[in-house]
C-alpha atoms as a PDB file:
ATOM      1  CA  MET A   1      33.252 -17.860  16.518  1.00  0.00           C
ATOM      2  CA  ILE A   2      30.737 -20.761  16.078  1.00  0.00           C
ATOM      3  CA  GLU A   3      30.655 -23.533  18.620  1.00  0.00           C
ATOM      4  CA  ARG A   4      28.705 -26.962  18.089  1.00  0.00           C
ATOM      5  CA  LEU A   5      27.462 -28.237  21.484  1.00  0.00           C
ATOM      6  CA  THR A   6      26.289 -31.384  22.841  1.00  0.00           C
ATOM      7  CA  PRO A   7      25.638 -30.898  26.540  1.00  0.00           C
ATOM      8  CA  SER A   8      25.487 -33.995  28.810  1.00  0.00           C
ATOM      9  CA  GLY A   9      22.041 -35.283  29.630  1.00  0.00           C
ATOM     10  CA  SER A  10      20.557 -34.192  26.328  1.00  0.00           C
ATOM     11  CA  PRO A  11      19.005 -36.678  23.954  1.00  0.00           C
ATOM     12  CA  VAL A  12      21.404 -38.173  21.601  1.00  0.00           C
ATOM     13  CA  PRO A  13      20.851 -36.658  18.077  1.00  0.00           C
ATOM     14  CA  ARG A  14      18.843 -38.876  15.514  1.00  0.00           C
ATOM     15  CA  GLY A  15      20.725 -37.411  12.514  1.00  0.00           C
ATOM     16  CA  PRO A  16      23.637 -35.284  11.332  1.00  0.00           C
ATOM     17  CA  TYR A  17      23.163 -32.216  13.551  1.00  0.00           C
ATOM     18  CA  SER A  18      24.229 -30.662  16.833  1.00  0.00           C
ATOM     19  CA  PRO A  19      21.753 -30.303  19.656  1.00  0.00           C
ATOM     20  CA  ALA A  20      22.889 -26.675  20.134  1.00  0.00           C
ATOM     21  CA  VAL A  21      25.122 -24.143  18.265  1.00  0.00           C
ATOM     22  CA  ARG A  22      26.411 -20.999  19.824  1.00  0.00           C
ATOM     23  CA  ALA A  23      27.102 -18.138  17.410  1.00  0.00           C
ATOM     24  CA  GLY A  24      28.319 -15.027  19.354  1.00  0.00           C
ATOM     25  CA  ASP A  25      25.861 -14.357  21.987  1.00  0.00           C
ATOM     26  CA  PHE A  26      23.041 -16.563  20.496  1.00  0.00           C
ATOM     27  CA  LEU A  27      22.367 -20.117  21.140  1.00  0.00           C
ATOM     28  CA  PHE A  28      20.346 -22.060  18.454  1.00  0.00           C
ATOM     29  CA  VAL A  29      18.755 -25.249  19.879  1.00  0.00           C
ATOM     30  CA  SER A  30      17.941 -27.893  17.266  1.00  0.00           C
ATOM     31  CA  GLY A  31      14.466 -29.216  17.020  1.00  0.00           C
ATOM     32  CA  GLN A  32      13.624 -31.373  20.051  1.00  0.00           C
ATOM     33  CA  GLY A  33      10.842 -34.078  20.364  1.00  0.00           C
ATOM     34  CA  PRO A  34       9.481 -36.126  22.975  1.00  0.00           C
ATOM     35  CA  ILE A  35      12.734 -38.236  23.446  1.00  0.00           C
ATOM     36  CA  ASP A  36      13.325 -39.750  26.910  1.00  0.00           C
ATOM     37  CA  PRO A  37      16.915 -38.584  27.633  1.00  0.00           C
ATOM     38  CA  VAL A  38      17.483 -41.645  29.861  1.00  0.00           C
ATOM     39  CA  THR A  39      16.554 -44.239  27.428  1.00  0.00           C
ATOM     40  CA  ASN A  40      16.916 -42.283  24.308  1.00  0.00           C
ATOM     41  CA  GLU A  41      13.625 -43.669  23.154  1.00  0.00           C
ATOM     42  CA  MET A  42      10.595 -41.646  21.903  1.00  0.00           C
ATOM     43  CA  PHE A  43       7.728 -41.288  24.305  1.00  0.00           C
ATOM     44  CA  THR A  44       4.336 -41.784  22.565  1.00  0.00           C
ATOM     45  CA  GLY A  45       1.974 -40.343  25.234  1.00  0.00           C
ATOM     46  CA  ASP A  46      -0.517 -37.575  24.839  1.00  0.00           C
ATOM     47  CA  ILE A  47       0.359 -33.950  23.763  1.00  0.00           C
ATOM     48  CA  ARG A  48       0.656 -32.635  27.250  1.00  0.00           C
ATOM     49  CA  GLN A  49       3.185 -35.369  28.217  1.00  0.00           C
ATOM     50  CA  GLN A  50       5.029 -34.933  24.985  1.00  0.00           C
ATOM     51  CA  THR A  51       5.249 -31.223  25.281  1.00  0.00           C
ATOM     52  CA  ARG A  52       6.406 -31.611  28.796  1.00  0.00           C
ATOM     53  CA  LEU A  53       9.345 -33.915  27.722  1.00  0.00           C
ATOM     54  CA  THR A  54      10.127 -31.805  24.672  1.00  0.00           C
ATOM     55  CA  LEU A  55      10.483 -28.569  26.755  1.00  0.00           C
ATOM     56  CA  GLY A  56      12.400 -30.466  29.501  1.00  0.00           C
ATOM     57  CA  ASN A  57      14.957 -31.676  26.641  1.00  0.00           C
ATOM     58  CA  ILE A  58      15.190 -27.926  25.660  1.00  0.00           C
ATOM     59  CA  GLN A  59      15.653 -26.822  29.143  1.00  0.00           C
ATOM     60  CA  ARG A  60      18.500 -29.224  29.736  1.00  0.00           C
ATOM     61  CA  ILE A  61      20.292 -28.406  26.695  1.00  0.00           C
ATOM     62  CA  LEU A  62      20.144 -24.661  27.387  1.00  0.00           C
ATOM     63  CA  GLU A  63      21.276 -25.265  30.961  1.00  0.00           C
ATOM     64  CA  GLY A  64      24.123 -27.398  29.530  1.00  0.00           C
ATOM     65  CA  CYS A  65      25.045 -24.193  27.640  1.00  0.00           C
ATOM     66  CA  GLY A  66      24.899 -21.893  30.567  1.00  0.00           C
ATOM     67  CA  ALA A  67      21.457 -20.570  29.663  1.00  0.00           C
ATOM     68  CA  SER A  68      17.902 -20.837  30.907  1.00  0.00           C
ATOM     69  CA  LEU A  69      14.278 -20.797  29.295  1.00  0.00           C
ATOM     70  CA  ALA A  70      14.371 -17.006  30.525  1.00  0.00           C
ATOM     71  CA  ASP A  71      16.992 -16.441  27.779  1.00  0.00           C
ATOM     72  CA  VAL A  72      14.814 -17.862  24.930  1.00  0.00           C
ATOM     73  CA  VAL A  73      13.927 -15.031  22.513  1.00  0.00           C
ATOM     74  CA  LYS A  74      12.160 -17.235  19.795  1.00  0.00           C
ATOM     75  CA  CYS A  75      10.430 -20.663  19.655  1.00  0.00           C
ATOM     76  CA  SER A  76       9.136 -22.565  16.668  1.00  0.00           C
ATOM     77  CA  VAL A  77       6.501 -25.198  17.573  1.00  0.00           C
ATOM     78  CA  PHE A  78       5.497 -27.892  15.223  1.00  0.00           C
ATOM     79  CA  LEU A  79       2.324 -29.910  16.025  1.00  0.00           C
ATOM     80  CA  GLN A  80       1.021 -33.058  14.300  1.00  0.00           C
ATOM     81  CA  ASP A  81      -2.467 -31.926  15.005  1.00  0.00           C
ATOM     82  CA  GLY A  82      -3.388 -28.259  15.131  1.00  0.00           C
ATOM     83  CA  GLY A  83      -6.534 -29.277  17.160  1.00  0.00           C
ATOM     84  CA  GLU A  84      -4.049 -29.967  20.039  1.00  0.00           C
ATOM     85  CA  PHE A  85      -2.781 -26.291  20.188  1.00  0.00           C
ATOM     86  CA  ALA A  86      -4.599 -25.414  23.469  1.00  0.00           C
ATOM     87  CA  ALA A  87      -3.381 -28.489  25.332  1.00  0.00           C
ATOM     88  CA  MET A  88       0.150 -27.864  24.224  1.00  0.00           C
ATOM     89  CA  ASN A  89      -0.201 -24.114  24.946  1.00  0.00           C
ATOM     90  CA  GLU A  90      -1.207 -24.917  28.566  1.00  0.00           C
ATOM     91  CA  VAL A  91       2.133 -26.873  29.247  1.00  0.00           C
ATOM     92  CA  TYR A  92       4.079 -24.323  27.335  1.00  0.00           C
ATOM     93  CA  ALA A  93       2.910 -21.558  29.600  1.00  0.00           C
ATOM     94  CA  GLU A  94       3.898 -23.673  32.725  1.00  0.00           C
ATOM     95  CA  PHE A  95       7.471 -23.628  31.413  1.00  0.00           C
ATOM     96  CA  PHE A  96       7.911 -20.111  30.245  1.00  0.00           C
ATOM     97  CA  GLY A  97       5.525 -18.262  32.665  1.00  0.00           C
ATOM     98  CA  ALA A  98       6.126 -14.422  32.474  1.00  0.00           C
ATOM     99  CA  ASP A  99       9.179 -15.057  30.321  1.00  0.00           C
ATOM    100  CA  LYS A 100       7.215 -15.292  26.977  1.00  0.00           C
ATOM    101  CA  PRO A 101       9.546 -15.495  23.826  1.00  0.00           C
ATOM    102  CA  ALA A 102       8.342 -14.833  20.336  1.00  0.00           C
ATOM    103  CA  ARG A 103       6.764 -17.971  18.736  1.00  0.00           C
ATOM    104  CA  THR A 104       5.534 -19.396  15.634  1.00  0.00           C
ATOM    105  CA  THR A 105       3.310 -22.534  15.704  1.00  0.00           C
ATOM    106  CA  VAL A 106       2.504 -24.600  12.663  1.00  0.00           C
ATOM    107  CA  GLU A 107       0.897 -27.922  11.914  1.00  0.00           C
ATOM    108  CA  ALA A 108       3.410 -30.446  10.475  1.00  0.00           C
ATOM    109  CA  ARG A 109       3.703 -34.164   9.466  1.00  0.00           C
ATOM    110  CA  PHE A 110       6.376 -36.121  11.145  1.00  0.00           C
ATOM    111  CA  VAL A 111       8.149 -39.071   9.858  1.00  0.00           C
ATOM    112  CA  ALA A 112       8.370 -40.768  13.264  1.00  0.00           C
ATOM    113  CA  PRO A 113       5.162 -42.630  14.098  1.00  0.00           C
ATOM    114  CA  GLY A 114       3.537 -41.299  17.374  1.00  0.00           C
ATOM    115  CA  MET A 115       5.472 -38.044  17.483  1.00  0.00           C
ATOM    116  CA  LYS A 116       3.076 -35.213  18.100  1.00  0.00           C
ATOM    117  CA  ILE A 117       5.336 -32.231  18.647  1.00  0.00           C
ATOM    118  CA  GLU A 118       8.862 -30.693  17.860  1.00  0.00           C
ATOM    119  CA  ILE A 119      10.140 -27.471  19.209  1.00  0.00           C
ATOM    120  CA  ASP A 120      13.431 -25.501  18.267  1.00  0.00           C
ATOM    121  CA  CYS A 121      14.532 -22.258  19.925  1.00  0.00           C
ATOM    122  CA  VAL A 122      16.881 -19.380  19.851  1.00  0.00           C
ATOM    123  CA  ALA A 123      18.188 -17.929  23.117  1.00  0.00           C
ATOM    124  CA  TRP A 124      20.421 -14.937  23.892  1.00  0.00           C
ATOM    125  CA  ARG A 125      23.091 -15.553  26.398  1.00  0.00           C
ATOM    126  CA  PRO A 126      26.290 -13.632  26.214  1.00  0.00           C
ATOM    127  CA  LYS A 127      29.309 -15.817  26.814  1.00  0.00           C
ATOM    128  CA  ALA A 128      30.802 -15.126  30.195  1.00  0.00           C
END
């Protein structure tokens, strides 16, 4: 069974997609960026601030689906500037700590001006 989920408190999607999809015991979280969930506006601060906001959005979505960052098995990180990898990685480590998922990081160009990062993930959380 596939469920399309829009947990409360998560940023409103900017396109035709679901913030999260449950397929069996897996949760697939769509790419999230530095969107303030209160104002639904993009935050254009530095990479550390944008990473913190982006991972906070992922955390809220996961929690709204009954999961946590500890359940994440894979992340894909997209950076506007690969030179900001170390700064992003510092914040990323704060969020995941010892629960390190598999990860891919690539440099990418974004259509939204000021956007420096986007992250998606897959989590494993058996439905209770």
